[in-house]
């Protein structure tokens, strides 16, 4: 009878230990799940930020390209005016 009581007490301890272990595992699993949710949120935020950054880069490149083209156009116009004035002067000199 004493053997059975000792065995039962031992089993009760082991069951209690298993329950405590299960509780710790559940707490750990909840922490992992929360961490995973946070990572998913961070990944989503990074993806949105990357999309905005790409759009901003494309917009900026378009703006800079337009400014460069305008600058080249202005420089070309100025050069054409100089050439035109020079041609007029050469023409005037050749008539004299």
Protein backbone atom coordinates (compact mmCIF):
# COMPACT_ATOMS: atom_id res chain seq x y z
CA UNK A 1 0.00 0.00 0.00
CA UNK A 2 2.85 2.39 0.82
CA UNK A 3 4.36 1.58 -2.57
CA UNK A 4 1.13 2.62 -4.30
CA UNK A 5 0.93 5.85 -2.34
CA UNK A 6 4.55 6.67 -3.18
CA UNK A 7 3.89 5.87 -6.83
CA UNK A 8 0.76 7.99 -6.83
CA UNK A 9 2.61 10.90 -5.18
CA UNK A 10 5.39 10.56 -7.76
CA UNK A 11 2.86 10.59 -10.60
CA UNK A 12 1.14 13.62 -9.10
CA UNK A 13 4.49 15.48 -9.01
CA UNK A 14 5.21 14.53 -12.60
CA UNK A 15 1.74 15.62 -13.75
CA UNK A 16 2.21 18.92 -11.92
CA UNK A 17 5.62 19.33 -13.58
CA UNK A 18 4.10 18.57 -16.98
CA UNK A 19 1.36 21.14 -16.41
CA UNK A 20 3.92 23.77 -15.42
CA UNK A 21 5.98 22.91 -18.48
CA UNK A 22 2.92 23.19 -20.69
CA UNK A 23 2.10 26.61 -19.23
CA UNK A 24 5.65 27.79 -19.95
CA UNK A 25 5.39 26.45 -23.50
CA UNK A 26 2.08 28.25 -24.00
CA UNK A 27 3.57 31.52 -22.73
CA UNK A 28 6.56 31.04 -25.02
CA UNK A 29 4.30 30.29 -27.96
CA UNK A 30 2.29 33.45 -27.30
CA UNK A 31 5.52 35.48 -27.23
CA UNK A 32 6.61 33.90 -30.52
CA UNK A 33 3.23 34.62 -32.11
CA UNK A 34 3.36 38.24 -30.94
CA UNK A 35 6.88 38.56 -32.28
CA UNK A 36 5.76 37.11 -35.60
CA UNK A 37 2.86 39.59 -35.78
CA UNK A 38 5.28 42.42 -35.07
CA UNK A 39 7.64 41.19 -37.78
CA UNK A 40 4.77 40.95 -40.27
CA UNK A 41 3.75 44.50 -39.38
CA UNK A 42 7.34 45.70 -39.81
CA UNK A 43 7.65 43.94 -43.19
CA UNK A 44 4.40 45.54 -44.36
CA UNK A 45 5.63 48.95 -43.22
CA UNK A 46 8.96 48.43 -44.99
CA UNK A 47 7.20 47.39 -48.20
CA UNK A 48 5.01 50.50 -48.12
CA UNK A 49 8.03 52.68 -47.44
CA UNK A 50 9.89 51.08 -50.32
CA UNK A 51 6.96 51.72 -52.66
CA UNK A 52 6.85 55.38 -51.60
CA UNK A 53 10.60 55.67 -52.02
CA UNK A 54 10.49 54.16 -55.51
CA UNK A 55 7.68 56.52 -56.48
CA UNK A 56 9.60 59.50 -55.08
CA UNK A 57 12.73 58.46 -56.96
CA UNK A 58 10.80 58.12 -60.21
CA UNK A 59 9.10 61.49 -59.67
CA UNK A 60 12.42 63.14 -58.80
CA UNK A 61 14.14 61.65 -61.84
CA UNK A 62 11.33 62.94 -64.03
CA UNK A 63 11.64 66.41 -62.53
CA UNK A 64 15.43 66.46 -62.86
CA UNK A 65 15.23 65.21 -66.45
CA UNK A 66 12.81 68.02 -67.29
CA UNK A 67 15.09 70.58 -65.65
CA UNK A 68 18.11 69.27 -67.53
CA UNK A 69 16.19 69.37 -70.81
CA UNK A 70 15.06 72.95 -70.09
CA UNK A 71 18.61 73.96 -69.26
CA UNK A 72 19.91 72.42 -72.49
CA UNK A 73 17.12 74.15 -74.43
CA UNK A 74 17.99 77.53 -72.89
CA UNK A 75 21.68 77.04 -73.62
CA UNK A 76 20.88 75.97 -77.18
CA UNK A 77 18.66 79.01 -77.68
CA UNK A 78 21.37 81.30 -76.35
CA UNK A 79 23.95 79.68 -78.61
CA UNK A 80 21.64 79.91 -81.62
CA UNK A 81 21.14 83.63 -80.94
CA UNK A 82 24.90 84.15 -80.81
CA UNK A 83 25.39 82.24 -84.05
CA UNK A 84 22.58 84.22 -85.69
CA UNK A 85 24.13 87.53 -84.59
CA UNK A 86 27.50 86.35 -85.84
CA UNK A 87 26.02 85.35 -89.20
CA UNK A 88 24.38 88.76 -89.52
CA UNK A 89 27.65 90.47 -88.69
CA UNK A 90 29.55 88.32 -91.21
CA UNK A 91 26.90 89.03 -93.84
CA UNK A 92 27.10 92.76 -93.11
CA UNK A 93 30.88 92.71 -93.34
CA UNK A 94 30.83 90.77 -96.59
CA UNK A 95 28.58 93.43 -98.18
CA UNK A 96 30.99 96.22 -97.42
